[in-house]
Amino acid sequence: MNEICKGNVPYSPFKHIASSVGVGAIELIENGRPAYRTIYVAKFKQTVFVLHSFTKTTNGVDRKAMITAKQR
């Protein structure tokens, strides 16, 4: 998150998920056992809004996590 706050590209792989969560939503991806995901909205005035962070437990899309992020 430190690089994101500085306006730089994050060290972790990421993807834009505007179609499933909302405009400006980005998912940080940390694969491994366990795998982690953080969904945030691009920074506004030096602030990064984390919508949801979770441990990924399935190979597919975690629909419950996406719904939580979209609601926030």
C-alpha atoms as a PDB file:
ATOM      1  CA  MET A   1       0.000   0.000   0.000  1.00  0.00           C
ATOM      2  CA  ASN A   2       2.923   2.337   0.543  1.00  0.00           C
ATOM      3  CA  GLU A   3       3.668   2.550  -3.197  1.00  0.00           C
ATOM      4  CA  ILE A   4      -0.004   3.166  -3.963  1.00  0.00           C
ATOM      5  CA  CYS A   5      -0.073   6.079  -1.492  1.00  0.00           C
ATOM      6  CA  LYS A   6       2.905   7.563  -3.333  1.00  0.00           C
ATOM      7  CA  GLY A   7       1.083   7.285  -6.673  1.00  0.00           C
ATOM      8  CA  ASN A   8       3.314   4.453  -7.913  1.00  0.00           C
ATOM      9  CA  VAL A   9       2.435   1.039  -9.316  1.00  0.00           C
ATOM     10  CA  PRO A  10       2.072  -1.547  -6.502  1.00  0.00           C
ATOM     11  CA  TYR A  11       4.738  -4.252  -6.110  1.00  0.00           C
ATOM     12  CA  SER A  12       2.064  -6.974  -6.094  1.00  0.00           C
ATOM     13  CA  PRO A  13       0.230  -8.095  -9.214  1.00  0.00           C
ATOM     14  CA  PHE A  14      -3.099  -6.302  -9.600  1.00  0.00           C
ATOM     15  CA  LYS A  15      -6.128  -6.050 -11.857  1.00  0.00           C
ATOM     16  CA  HIS A  16      -8.882  -3.533 -12.411  1.00  0.00           C
ATOM     17  CA  ILE A  17     -12.280  -4.943 -11.392  1.00  0.00           C
ATOM     18  CA  ALA A  18     -14.615  -2.099 -12.275  1.00  0.00           C
ATOM     19  CA  SER A  19     -17.094  -4.439 -13.960  1.00  0.00           C
ATOM     20  CA  SER A  20     -17.731  -6.502 -10.805  1.00  0.00           C
ATOM     21  CA  VAL A  21     -17.204  -3.973  -7.972  1.00  0.00           C
ATOM     22  CA  GLY A  22     -17.319  -0.443  -9.361  1.00  0.00           C
ATOM     23  CA  VAL A  23     -15.405   2.254 -11.190  1.00  0.00           C
ATOM     24  CA  GLY A  24     -11.837   2.651  -9.907  1.00  0.00           C
ATOM     25  CA  ALA A  25     -11.788  -0.643  -7.966  1.00  0.00           C
ATOM     26  CA  ILE A  26      -8.474  -2.503  -8.068  1.00  0.00           C
ATOM     27  CA  GLU A  27      -7.647  -5.943  -6.670  1.00  0.00           C
ATOM     28  CA  LEU A  28      -4.161  -6.633  -5.280  1.00  0.00           C
ATOM     29  CA  ILE A  29      -3.202 -10.283  -5.734  1.00  0.00           C
ATOM     30  CA  GLU A  30      -0.904 -12.281  -3.438  1.00  0.00           C
ATOM     31  CA  ASN A  31      -0.855 -15.929  -4.485  1.00  0.00           C
ATOM     32  CA  GLY A  32       0.451 -18.735  -2.304  1.00  0.00           C
ATOM     33  CA  ARG A  33      -0.906 -20.932   0.441  1.00  0.00           C
ATOM     34  CA  PRO A  34      -2.965 -19.192   1.617  1.00  0.00           C
ATOM     35  CA  ALA A  35      -3.647 -16.586  -1.068  1.00  0.00           C
ATOM     36  CA  TYR A  36      -4.678 -13.060  -0.126  1.00  0.00           C
ATOM     37  CA  ARG A  37      -6.661 -10.359  -1.888  1.00  0.00           C
ATOM     38  CA  THR A  38      -7.222  -6.692  -1.123  1.00  0.00           C
ATOM     39  CA  ILE A  39      -9.733  -4.588  -3.013  1.00  0.00           C
ATOM     40  CA  TYR A  40      -9.260  -0.844  -2.905  1.00  0.00           C
ATOM     41  CA  VAL A  41     -10.350   2.313  -4.675  1.00  0.00           C
ATOM     42  CA  ALA A  42      -7.746   4.544  -6.268  1.00  0.00           C
ATOM     43  CA  LYS A  43      -6.417   7.223  -3.979  1.00  0.00           C
ATOM     44  CA  PHE A  44      -8.231  10.467  -3.449  1.00  0.00           C
ATOM     45  CA  LYS A  45      -6.275  13.336  -1.886  1.00  0.00           C
ATOM     46  CA  GLN A  46      -3.472  11.082  -0.583  1.00  0.00           C
ATOM     47  CA  THR A  47      -5.911   8.490   0.813  1.00  0.00           C
ATOM     48  CA  VAL A  48      -6.382   4.880  -0.309  1.00  0.00           C
ATOM     49  CA  PHE A  49      -9.794   3.432   0.542  1.00  0.00           C
ATOM     50  CA  VAL A  50      -9.581  -0.305   1.267  1.00  0.00           C
ATOM     51  CA  LEU A  51     -12.968  -1.806   0.496  1.00  0.00           C
ATOM     52  CA  HIS A  52     -12.246  -5.388   1.525  1.00  0.00           C
ATOM     53  CA  SER A  53      -9.299  -7.633   2.349  1.00  0.00           C
ATOM     54  CA  PHE A  54      -9.611 -11.396   2.645  1.00  0.00           C
ATOM     55  CA  THR A  55      -7.978 -14.813   2.434  1.00  0.00           C
ATOM     56  CA  LYS A  56      -8.845 -16.480  -0.843  1.00  0.00           C
ATOM     57  CA  THR A  57     -10.162 -20.009  -0.336  1.00  0.00           C
ATOM     58  CA  THR A  58     -11.382 -20.990  -3.825  1.00  0.00           C
ATOM     59  CA  ASN A  59      -9.888 -21.073  -7.316  1.00  0.00           C
ATOM     60  CA  GLY A  60     -12.801 -19.125  -8.772  1.00  0.00           C
ATOM     61  CA  VAL A  61     -14.206 -15.713  -8.025  1.00  0.00           C
ATOM     62  CA  ASP A  62     -15.185 -15.258  -4.389  1.00  0.00           C
ATOM     63  CA  ARG A  63     -18.649 -13.840  -5.035  1.00  0.00           C
ATOM     64  CA  LYS A  64     -19.332 -13.094  -1.363  1.00  0.00           C
ATOM     65  CA  ALA A  65     -16.154 -10.989  -1.135  1.00  0.00           C
ATOM     66  CA  MET A  66     -17.034  -9.123  -4.346  1.00  0.00           C
ATOM     67  CA  ILE A  67     -20.529  -8.347  -3.013  1.00  0.00           C
ATOM     68  CA  THR A  68     -19.026  -7.022   0.238  1.00  0.00           C
ATOM     69  CA  ALA A  69     -16.595  -4.789  -1.676  1.00  0.00           C
ATOM     70  CA  LYS A  70     -19.337  -3.519  -3.987  1.00  0.00           C
ATOM     71  CA  GLN A  71     -21.596  -2.618  -1.029  1.00  0.00           C
ATOM     72  CA  ARG A  72     -18.792  -0.643   0.608  1.00  0.00           C
END
